């Protein structure tokens, strides 16, 4: 099932104006910030948390007989990338002088 803006607010989706460039830039900034927050939070996570994320990434990949969706495949790949980046981040020596 695909959720459209009409499903959300009862309006025809053609009534929803496209995002302006400034709004798209703000969304990109927020996604980058959230991605880095997730990496920072995962840096101290136990190994089981990484395993759970990898399992979820596998879970959202298309199963045999189902149509692969490129965005879902990209999301699963990105989940694994976040795990790997968090592991590298946690292994880096502290830059603080304390």
PDB file of N, CA and C in Angstrom:
ATOM      1  N   UNK A   1       0.837  -1.173   0.000  1.00  0.00           N
ATOM      2  CA  UNK A   1       0.000   0.000   0.000  1.00  0.00           C
ATOM      3  C   UNK A   1       0.884   1.238   0.000  1.00  0.00           C
ATOM      4  N   UNK A   2       0.564   2.167  -0.874  1.00  0.00           N
ATOM      5  CA  UNK A   2       1.304   3.407  -0.956  1.00  0.00           C
ATOM      6  C   UNK A   2       0.478   4.503  -0.312  1.00  0.00           C
ATOM      7  N   UNK A   3       1.091   5.258   0.562  1.00  0.00           N
ATOM      8  CA  UNK A   3       0.427   6.346   1.262  1.00  0.00           C
ATOM      9  C   UNK A   3       0.670   7.631   0.496  1.00  0.00           C
ATOM     10  N   UNK A   4      -0.412   8.284   0.123  1.00  0.00           N
ATOM     11  CA  UNK A   4      -0.284   9.552  -0.587  1.00  0.00           C
ATOM     12  C   UNK A   4      -0.660  10.683   0.344  1.00  0.00           C
ATOM     13  N   UNK A   5      -0.409  11.901  -0.109  1.00  0.00           N
ATOM     14  CA  UNK A   5      -0.785  13.057   0.707  1.00  0.00           C
ATOM     15  C   UNK A   5      -2.297  13.114   0.873  1.00  0.00           C
ATOM     16  N   UNK A   6      -3.045  12.577  -0.095  1.00  0.00           N
ATOM     17  CA  UNK A   6      -4.502  12.548   0.027  1.00  0.00           C
ATOM     18  C   UNK A   6      -4.932  11.654   1.182  1.00  0.00           C
ATOM     19  N   UNK A   7      -4.185  10.572   1.418  1.00  0.00           N
ATOM     20  CA  UNK A   7      -4.487   9.690   2.536  1.00  0.00           C
ATOM     21  C   UNK A   7      -4.232  10.393   3.867  1.00  0.00           C
ATOM     22  N   UNK A   8      -3.290  11.304   3.875  1.00  0.00           N
ATOM     23  CA  UNK A   8      -2.910  11.980   5.109  1.00  0.00           C
ATOM     24  C   UNK A   8      -3.876  13.105   5.451  1.00  0.00           C
ATOM     25  N   UNK A   9      -4.157  13.961   4.487  1.00  0.00           N
ATOM     26  CA  UNK A   9      -4.964  15.136   4.807  1.00  0.00           C
ATOM     27  C   UNK A   9      -6.276  15.221   4.053  1.00  0.00           C
ATOM     28  N   UNK A  10      -6.614  14.198   3.310  1.00  0.00           N
ATOM     29  CA  UNK A  10      -7.895  14.168   2.624  1.00  0.00           C
ATOM     30  C   UNK A  10      -7.937  15.025   1.369  1.00  0.00           C
ATOM     31  N   UNK A  11      -6.849  15.627   0.993  1.00  0.00           N
ATOM     32  CA  UNK A  11      -6.801  16.450  -0.201  1.00  0.00           C
ATOM     33  C   UNK A  11      -6.273  15.639  -1.369  1.00  0.00           C
ATOM     34  N   UNK A  12      -6.553  16.141  -2.558  1.00  0.00           N
ATOM     35  CA  UNK A  12      -5.994  15.548  -3.755  1.00  0.00           C
ATOM     36  C   UNK A  12      -4.494  15.834  -3.761  1.00  0.00           C
ATOM     37  N   UNK A  13      -3.672  14.840  -4.095  1.00  0.00           N
ATOM     38  CA  UNK A  13      -2.227  15.032  -4.051  1.00  0.00           C
ATOM     39  C   UNK A  13      -1.761  16.122  -4.998  1.00  0.00           C
ATOM     40  N   UNK A  14      -2.540  16.436  -6.030  1.00  0.00           N
ATOM     41  CA  UNK A  14      -2.146  17.510  -6.934  1.00  0.00           C
ATOM     42  C   UNK A  14      -2.306  18.877  -6.271  1.00  0.00           C
ATOM     43  N   UNK A  15      -3.018  18.942  -5.143  1.00  0.00           N
ATOM     44  CA  UNK A  15      -3.177  20.190  -4.406  1.00  0.00           C
ATOM     45  C   UNK A  15      -1.968  20.504  -3.537  1.00  0.00           C
ATOM     46  N   UNK A  16      -1.090  19.541  -3.361  1.00  0.00           N
ATOM     47  CA  UNK A  16       0.083  19.733  -2.515  1.00  0.00           C
ATOM     48  C   UNK A  16       1.204  20.289  -3.386  1.00  0.00           C
ATOM     49  N   UNK A  17       1.692  21.502  -3.068  1.00  0.00           N
ATOM     50  CA  UNK A  17       2.746  22.074  -3.914  1.00  0.00           C
ATOM     51  C   UNK A  17       4.061  21.321  -3.733  1.00  0.00           C
ATOM     52  N   UNK A  18       4.869  21.272  -4.795  1.00  0.00           N
ATOM     53  CA  UNK A  18       6.177  20.623  -4.665  1.00  0.00           C
ATOM     54  C   UNK A  18       7.062  21.421  -3.709  1.00  0.00           C
ATOM     55  N   UNK A  19       8.016  20.727  -3.129  1.00  0.00           N
ATOM     56  CA  UNK A  19       8.937  21.386  -2.213  1.00  0.00           C
ATOM     57  C   UNK A  19       9.838  22.344  -2.982  1.00  0.00           C
ATOM     58  N   UNK A  20      10.074  23.493  -2.401  1.00  0.00           N
ATOM     59  CA  UNK A  20      11.000  24.457  -2.986  1.00  0.00           C
ATOM     60  C   UNK A  20      12.422  23.997  -2.728  1.00  0.00           C
ATOM     61  N   UNK A  21      13.364  24.538  -3.473  1.00  0.00           N
ATOM     62  CA  UNK A  21      14.769  24.161  -3.318  1.00  0.00           C
ATOM     63  C   UNK A  21      15.248  24.377  -1.884  1.00  0.00           C
ATOM     64  N   UNK A  22      14.878  25.487  -1.273  1.00  0.00           N
ATOM     65  CA  UNK A  22      15.304  25.767   0.104  1.00  0.00           C
ATOM     66  C   UNK A  22      14.779  24.706   1.067  1.00  0.00           C
ATOM     67  N   UNK A  23      13.555  24.229   0.823  1.00  0.00           N
ATOM     68  CA  UNK A  23      12.982  23.186   1.682  1.00  0.00           C
ATOM     69  C   UNK A  23      13.721  21.866   1.485  1.00  0.00           C
ATOM     70  N   UNK A  24      14.081  21.566   0.261  1.00  0.00           N
ATOM     71  CA  UNK A  24      14.838  20.339  -0.013  1.00  0.00           C
ATOM     72  C   UNK A  24      16.214  20.396   0.638  1.00  0.00           C
ATOM     73  N   UNK A  25      16.847  21.551   0.590  1.00  0.00           N
ATOM     74  CA  UNK A  25      18.155  21.710   1.231  1.00  0.00           C
ATOM     75  C   UNK A  25      18.023  21.500   2.735  1.00  0.00           C
ATOM     76  N   UNK A  26      16.986  22.066   3.343  1.00  0.00           N
ATOM     77  CA  UNK A  26      16.770  21.886   4.783  1.00  0.00           C
ATOM     78  C   UNK A  26      16.543  20.418   5.124  1.00  0.00           C
ATOM     79  N   UNK A  27      15.795  19.703   4.292  1.00  0.00           N
ATOM     80  CA  UNK A  27      15.593  18.270   4.514  1.00  0.00           C
ATOM     81  C   UNK A  27      16.916  17.512   4.430  1.00  0.00           C
ATOM     82  N   UNK A  28      17.750  17.868   3.450  1.00  0.00           N
ATOM     83  CA  UNK A  28      19.048  17.214   3.324  1.00  0.00           C
ATOM     84  C   UNK A  28      19.897  17.457   4.563  1.00  0.00           C
ATOM     85  N   UNK A  29      19.905  18.683   5.053  1.00  0.00           N
ATOM     86  CA  UNK A  29      20.670  19.016   6.253  1.00  0.00           C
ATOM     87  C   UNK A  29      20.172  18.205   7.439  1.00  0.00           C
ATOM     88  N   UNK A  30      18.868  18.107   7.584  1.00  0.00           N
ATOM     89  CA  UNK A  30      18.297  17.354   8.711  1.00  0.00           C
ATOM     90  C   UNK A  30      18.625  15.871   8.617  1.00  0.00           C
ATOM     91  N   UNK A  31      18.583  15.324   7.420  1.00  0.00           N
ATOM     92  CA  UNK A  31      18.916  13.906   7.248  1.00  0.00           C
ATOM     93  C   UNK A  31      20.378  13.659   7.594  1.00  0.00           C
ATOM     94  N   UNK A  32      21.263  14.538   7.157  1.00  0.00           N
ATOM     95  CA  UNK A  32      22.682  14.400   7.482  1.00  0.00           C
ATOM     96  C   UNK A  32      22.885  14.474   8.994  1.00  0.00           C
ATOM     97  N   UNK A  33      22.210  15.426   9.637  1.00  0.00           N
ATOM     98  CA  UNK A  33      22.330  15.558  11.094  1.00  0.00           C
ATOM     99  C   UNK A  33      21.822  14.302  11.795  1.00  0.00           C
ATOM    100  N   UNK A  34      20.668  13.809  11.382  1.00  0.00           N
ATOM    101  CA  UNK A  34      20.106  12.602  12.001  1.00  0.00           C
ATOM    102  C   UNK A  34      21.005  11.393  11.773  1.00  0.00           C
ATOM    103  N   UNK A  35      21.549  11.286  10.588  1.00  0.00           N
ATOM    104  CA  UNK A  35      22.451  10.174  10.285  1.00  0.00           C
ATOM    105  C   UNK A  35      23.659  10.200  11.215  1.00  0.00           C
ATOM    106  N   UNK A  36      24.216  11.364  11.420  1.00  0.00           N
ATOM    107  CA  UNK A  36      25.379  11.472  12.298  1.00  0.00           C
ATOM    108  C   UNK A  36      25.018  11.260  13.764  1.00  0.00           C
ATOM    109  N   UNK A  37      23.822  11.649  14.164  1.00  0.00           N
ATOM    110  CA  UNK A  37      23.361  11.359  15.524  1.00  0.00           C
ATOM    111  C   UNK A  37      23.226   9.852  15.735  1.00  0.00           C
ATOM    112  N   UNK A  38      22.679   9.162  14.755  1.00  0.00           N
ATOM    113  CA  UNK A  38      22.540   7.707  14.855  1.00  0.00           C
ATOM    114  C   UNK A  38      23.913   7.056  14.969  1.00  0.00           C
ATOM    115  N   UNK A  39      24.861   7.497  14.144  1.00  0.00           N
ATOM    116  CA  UNK A  39      26.213   6.948  14.194  1.00  0.00           C
ATOM    117  C   UNK A  39      26.825   7.174  15.572  1.00  0.00           C
ATOM    118  N   UNK A  40      26.665   8.382  16.112  1.00  0.00           N
ATOM    119  CA  UNK A  40      27.218   8.685  17.434  1.00  0.00           C
ATOM    120  C   UNK A  40      26.586   7.818  18.514  1.00  0.00           C
ATOM    121  N   UNK A  41      25.270   7.608  18.427  1.00  0.00           N
ATOM    122  CA  UNK A  41      24.598   6.781  19.435  1.00  0.00           C
ATOM    123  C   UNK A  41      24.987   5.316  19.303  1.00  0.00           C
ATOM    124  N   UNK A  42      25.210   4.864  18.081  1.00  0.00           N
ATOM    125  CA  UNK A  42      25.587   3.466  17.875  1.00  0.00           C
ATOM    126  C   UNK A  42      27.048   3.198  18.220  1.00  0.00           C
ATOM    127  N   UNK A  43      27.851   4.245  18.278  1.00  0.00           N
ATOM    128  CA  UNK A  43      29.282   4.055  18.524  1.00  0.00           C
ATOM    129  C   UNK A  43      29.543   3.312  19.832  1.00  0.00           C
ATOM    130  N   UNK A  44      28.687   3.496  20.813  1.00  0.00           N
ATOM    131  CA  UNK A  44      28.856   2.814  22.101  1.00  0.00           C
ATOM    132  C   UNK A  44      27.886   1.648  22.283  1.00  0.00           C
ATOM    133  N   UNK A  45      27.222   1.261  21.212  1.00  0.00           N
ATOM    134  CA  UNK A  45      26.230   0.187  21.308  1.00  0.00           C
ATOM    135  C   UNK A  45      26.908  -1.175  21.415  1.00  0.00           C
ATOM    136  N   UNK A  46      26.239  -2.118  22.075  1.00  0.00           N
ATOM    137  CA  UNK A  46      26.789  -3.484  22.129  1.00  0.00           C
ATOM    138  C   UNK A  46      26.677  -4.159  20.761  1.00  0.00           C
ATOM    139  N   UNK A  47      27.477  -5.178  20.552  1.00  0.00           N
ATOM    140  CA  UNK A  47      27.507  -5.901  19.278  1.00  0.00           C
ATOM    141  C   UNK A  47      26.128  -6.423  18.893  1.00  0.00           C
ATOM    142  N   UNK A  48      25.324  -6.811  19.879  1.00  0.00           N
ATOM    143  CA  UNK A  48      23.975  -7.335  19.573  1.00  0.00           C
ATOM    144  C   UNK A  48      23.132  -6.284  18.865  1.00  0.00           C
ATOM    145  N   UNK A  49      23.323  -5.001  19.194  1.00  0.00           N
ATOM    146  CA  UNK A  49      22.566  -3.946  18.524  1.00  0.00           C
ATOM    147  C   UNK A  49      22.918  -3.895  17.041  1.00  0.00           C
ATOM    148  N   UNK A  50      24.186  -4.057  16.723  1.00  0.00           N
ATOM    149  CA  UNK A  50      24.612  -4.082  15.323  1.00  0.00           C
ATOM    150  C   UNK A  50      24.003  -5.281  14.605  1.00  0.00           C
ATOM    151  N   UNK A  51      23.972  -6.419  15.302  1.00  0.00           N
ATOM    152  CA  UNK A  51      23.361  -7.619  14.715  1.00  0.00           C
ATOM    153  C   UNK A  51      21.883  -7.397  14.417  1.00  0.00           C
ATOM    154  N   UNK A  52      21.181  -6.745  15.330  1.00  0.00           N
ATOM    155  CA  UNK A  52      19.760  -6.469  15.125  1.00  0.00           C
ATOM    156  C   UNK A  52      19.535  -5.562  13.919  1.00  0.00           C
ATOM    157  N   UNK A  53      20.374  -4.568  13.758  1.00  0.00           N
ATOM    158  CA  UNK A  53      20.245  -3.661  12.617  1.00  0.00           C
ATOM    159  C   UNK A  53      20.495  -4.419  11.314  1.00  0.00           C
ATOM    160  N   UNK A  54      21.510  -5.251  11.308  1.00  0.00           N
ATOM    161  CA  UNK A  54      21.797  -6.041  10.108  1.00  0.00           C
ATOM    162  C   UNK A  54      20.642  -7.000   9.790  1.00  0.00           C
ATOM    163  N   UNK A  55      20.057  -7.599  10.831  1.00  0.00           N
ATOM    164  CA  UNK A  55      18.910  -8.493  10.627  1.00  0.00           C
ATOM    165  C   UNK A  55      17.727  -7.727  10.039  1.00  0.00           C
ATOM    166  N   UNK A  56      17.490  -6.527  10.523  1.00  0.00           N
ATOM    167  CA  UNK A  56      16.392  -5.707  10.007  1.00  0.00           C
ATOM    168  C   UNK A  56      16.662  -5.321   8.558  1.00  0.00           C
ATOM    169  N   UNK A  57      17.907  -5.022   8.224  1.00  0.00           N
ATOM    170  CA  UNK A  57      18.248  -4.689   6.844  1.00  0.00           C
ATOM    171  C   UNK A  57      17.941  -5.871   5.920  1.00  0.00           C
ATOM    172  N   UNK A  58      18.270  -7.064   6.371  1.00  0.00           N
ATOM    173  CA  UNK A  58      17.950  -8.261   5.580  1.00  0.00           C
ATOM    174  C   UNK A  58      16.440  -8.424   5.464  1.00  0.00           C
ATOM    175  N   UNK A  59      15.737  -8.153   6.552  1.00  0.00           N
ATOM    176  CA  UNK A  59      14.279  -8.308   6.586  1.00  0.00           C
ATOM    177  C   UNK A  59      13.575  -7.408   5.573  1.00  0.00           C
ATOM    178  N   UNK A  60      14.091  -6.195   5.349  1.00  0.00           N
ATOM    179  CA  UNK A  60      13.396  -5.294   4.423  1.00  0.00           C
ATOM    180  C   UNK A  60      13.786  -5.517   2.969  1.00  0.00           C
ATOM    181  N   UNK A  61      14.814  -6.331   2.712  1.00  0.00           N
ATOM    182  CA  UNK A  61      15.166  -6.654   1.334  1.00  0.00           C
ATOM    183  C   UNK A  61      14.054  -7.501   0.723  1.00  0.00           C
ATOM    184  N   UNK A  62      13.845  -7.384  -0.578  1.00  0.00           N
ATOM    185  CA  UNK A  62      12.767  -8.161  -1.208  1.00  0.00           C
ATOM    186  C   UNK A  62      13.018  -9.665  -1.108  1.00  0.00           C
ATOM    187  N   UNK A  63      11.953 -10.371  -0.806  1.00  0.00           N
ATOM    188  CA  UNK A  63      12.023 -11.824  -0.742  1.00  0.00           C
ATOM    189  C   UNK A  63      11.838 -12.407  -2.136  1.00  0.00           C
ATOM    190  N   UNK A  64      12.284 -13.649  -2.357  1.00  0.00           N
ATOM    191  CA  UNK A  64      12.100 -14.284  -3.666  1.00  0.00           C
ATOM    192  C   UNK A  64      10.621 -14.260  -4.062  1.00  0.00           C
ATOM    193  N   UNK A  65      10.364 -13.902  -5.301  1.00  0.00           N
ATOM    194  CA  UNK A  65       9.001 -13.853  -5.803  1.00  0.00           C
ATOM    195  C   UNK A  65       8.340 -12.494  -5.658  1.00  0.00           C
ATOM    196  N   UNK A  66       8.991 -11.569  -4.962  1.00  0.00           N
ATOM    197  CA  UNK A  66       8.444 -10.227  -4.790  1.00  0.00           C
ATOM    198  C   UNK A  66       9.250  -9.246  -5.637  1.00  0.00           C
ATOM    199  N   UNK A  67       8.615  -8.175  -6.025  1.00  0.00           N
ATOM    200  CA  UNK A  67       9.268  -7.171  -6.840  1.00  0.00           C
ATOM    201  C   UNK A  67      10.262  -6.367  -6.015  1.00  0.00           C
ATOM    202  N   UNK A  68      11.515  -6.328  -6.442  1.00  0.00           N
ATOM    203  CA  UNK A  68      12.487  -5.514  -5.701  1.00  0.00           C
ATOM    204  C   UNK A  68      12.188  -4.033  -5.901  1.00  0.00           C
ATOM    205  N   UNK A  69      12.297  -3.275  -4.856  1.00  0.00           N
ATOM    206  CA  UNK A  69      12.076  -1.835  -4.911  1.00  0.00           C
ATOM    207  C   UNK A  69      13.420  -1.167  -4.633  1.00  0.00           C
ATOM    208  N   UNK A  70      13.881  -0.343  -5.554  1.00  0.00           N
ATOM    209  CA  UNK A  70      15.230   0.220  -5.450  1.00  0.00           C
ATOM    210  C   UNK A  70      15.432   1.044  -4.188  1.00  0.00           C
ATOM    211  N   UNK A  71      14.398   1.729  -3.700  1.00  0.00           N
ATOM    212  CA  UNK A  71      14.550   2.533  -2.492  1.00  0.00           C
ATOM    213  C   UNK A  71      14.703   1.660  -1.252  1.00  0.00           C
ATOM    214  N   UNK A  72      13.986   0.553  -1.209  1.00  0.00           N
ATOM    215  CA  UNK A  72      14.103  -0.366  -0.077  1.00  0.00           C
ATOM    216  C   UNK A  72      15.485  -1.017  -0.072  1.00  0.00           C
ATOM    217  N   UNK A  73      15.960  -1.393  -1.249  1.00  0.00           N
ATOM    218  CA  UNK A  73      17.295  -1.982  -1.356  1.00  0.00           C
ATOM    219  C   UNK A  73      18.344  -0.961  -0.914  1.00  0.00           C
ATOM    220  N   UNK A  74      18.188   0.280  -1.357  1.00  0.00           N
ATOM    221  CA  UNK A  74      19.132   1.335  -0.965  1.00  0.00           C
ATOM    222  C   UNK A  74      19.069   1.581   0.543  1.00  0.00           C
ATOM    223  N   UNK A  75      17.872   1.515   1.130  1.00  0.00           N
ATOM    224  CA  UNK A  75      17.731   1.723   2.579  1.00  0.00           C
ATOM    225  C   UNK A  75      18.441   0.622   3.353  1.00  0.00           C
ATOM    226  N   UNK A  76      18.302  -0.613   2.916  1.00  0.00           N
ATOM    227  CA  UNK A  76      18.979  -1.723   3.588  1.00  0.00           C
ATOM    228  C   UNK A  76      20.494  -1.566   3.489  1.00  0.00           C
ATOM    229  N   UNK A  77      20.967  -1.153   2.334  1.00  0.00           N
ATOM    230  CA  UNK A  77      22.395  -0.918   2.154  1.00  0.00           C
ATOM    231  C   UNK A  77      22.871   0.201   3.076  1.00  0.00           C
ATOM    232  N   UNK A  78      22.079   1.259   3.182  1.00  0.00           N
ATOM    233  CA  UNK A  78      22.446   2.388   4.033  1.00  0.00           C
ATOM    234  C   UNK A  78      22.456   1.993   5.510  1.00  0.00           C
ATOM    235  N   UNK A  79      21.539   1.122   5.927  1.00  0.00           N
ATOM    236  CA  UNK A  79      21.526   0.650   7.312  1.00  0.00           C
ATOM    237  C   UNK A  79      22.840  -0.050   7.645  1.00  0.00           C
ATOM    238  N   UNK A  80      23.278  -0.907   6.735  1.00  0.00           N
ATOM    239  CA  UNK A  80      24.548  -1.606   6.950  1.00  0.00           C
ATOM    240  C   UNK A  80      25.724  -0.628   6.940  1.00  0.00           C
ATOM    241  N   UNK A  81      25.631   0.382   6.098  1.00  0.00           N
ATOM    242  CA  UNK A  81      26.675   1.398   6.059  1.00  0.00           C
ATOM    243  C   UNK A  81      26.752   2.164   7.377  1.00  0.00           C
ATOM    244  N   UNK A  82      25.608   2.490   7.945  1.00  0.00           N
ATOM    245  CA  UNK A  82      25.589   3.191   9.232  1.00  0.00           C
ATOM    246  C   UNK A  82      26.234   2.347  10.323  1.00  0.00           C
ATOM    247  N   UNK A  83      25.970   1.056  10.312  1.00  0.00           N
ATOM    248  CA  UNK A  83      26.583   0.155  11.295  1.00  0.00           C
ATOM    249  C   UNK A  83      28.103   0.174  11.137  1.00  0.00           C
ATOM    250  N   UNK A  84      28.572   0.036   9.909  1.00  0.00           N
ATOM    251  CA  UNK A  84      30.017   0.010   9.671  1.00  0.00           C
ATOM    252  C   UNK A  84      30.672   1.327  10.058  1.00  0.00           C
ATOM    253  N   UNK A  85      30.013   2.437   9.766  1.00  0.00           N
ATOM    254  CA  UNK A  85      30.563   3.745  10.131  1.00  0.00           C
ATOM    255  C   UNK A  85      30.588   3.914  11.647  1.00  0.00           C
ATOM    256  N   UNK A  86      29.569   3.432  12.331  1.00  0.00           N
ATOM    257  CA  UNK A  86      29.533   3.530  13.791  1.00  0.00           C
ATOM    258  C   UNK A  86      30.645   2.693  14.412  1.00  0.00           C
ATOM    259  N   UNK A  87      30.883   1.512  13.852  1.00  0.00           N
ATOM    260  CA  UNK A  87      31.956   0.649  14.359  1.00  0.00           C
ATOM    261  C   UNK A  87      33.301   1.343  14.175  1.00  0.00           C
ATOM    262  N   UNK A  88      33.537   1.928  13.017  1.00  0.00           N
ATOM    263  CA  UNK A  88      34.798   2.658  12.786  1.00  0.00           C
ATOM    264  C   UNK A  88      34.919   3.850  13.723  1.00  0.00           C
ATOM    265  N   UNK A  89      33.813   4.551  13.939  1.00  0.00           N
ATOM    266  CA  UNK A  89      33.816   5.721  14.816  1.00  0.00           C
ATOM    267  C   UNK A  89      34.149   5.325  16.243  1.00  0.00           C
ATOM    268  N   UNK A  90      33.611   4.205  16.681  1.00  0.00           N
ATOM    269  CA  UNK A  90      33.857   3.777  18.057  1.00  0.00           C
ATOM    270  C   UNK A  90      35.287   3.294  18.252  1.00  0.00           C
ATOM    271  N   UNK A  91      35.925   2.857  17.165  1.00  0.00           N
ATOM    272  CA  UNK A  91      37.297   2.360  17.252  1.00  0.00           C
ATOM    273  C   UNK A  91      38.333   3.469  17.162  1.00  0.00           C
ATOM    274  N   UNK A  92      37.905   4.682  16.783  1.00  0.00           N
ATOM    275  CA  UNK A  92      38.856   5.793  16.672  1.00  0.00           C
ATOM    276  C   UNK A  92      39.281   6.257  18.051  1.00  0.00           C
ATOM    277  N   UNK A  93      40.542   6.617  18.193  1.00  0.00           N
ATOM    278  CA  UNK A  93      40.991   7.130  19.494  1.00  0.00           C
ATOM    279  C   UNK A  93      40.323   8.458  19.802  1.00  0.00           C
ATOM    280  N   UNK A  94      40.133   8.709  21.062  1.00  0.00           N
ATOM    281  CA  UNK A  94      39.498   9.943  21.507  1.00  0.00           C
ATOM    282  C   UNK A  94      40.352  11.131  21.117  1.00  0.00           C
ATOM    283  N   UNK A  95      39.687  12.191  20.625  1.00  0.00           N
ATOM    284  CA  UNK A  95      40.440  13.387  20.250  1.00  0.00           C
ATOM    285  C   UNK A  95      40.530  14.378  21.402  1.00  0.00           C
ATOM    286  N   UNK A  96      39.886  14.040  22.522  1.00  0.00           N
ATOM    287  CA  UNK A  96      39.911  14.934  23.682  1.00  0.00           C
ATOM    288  C   UNK A  96      41.225  14.799  24.429  1.00  0.00           C
ATOM    289  N   UNK A  97      41.529  15.803  25.201  1.00  0.00           N
ATOM    290  CA  UNK A  97      42.782  15.788  25.936  1.00  0.00           C
ATOM    291  C   UNK A  97      42.626  15.369  27.383  1.00  0.00           C
ATOM    292  N   UNK A  98      41.446  14.731  27.726  1.00  0.00           N
ATOM    293  CA  UNK A  98      41.182  14.424  29.116  1.00  0.00           C
ATOM    294  C   UNK A  98      41.564  13.101  29.492  1.00  0.00           C
TER     295      UNK A  98
END
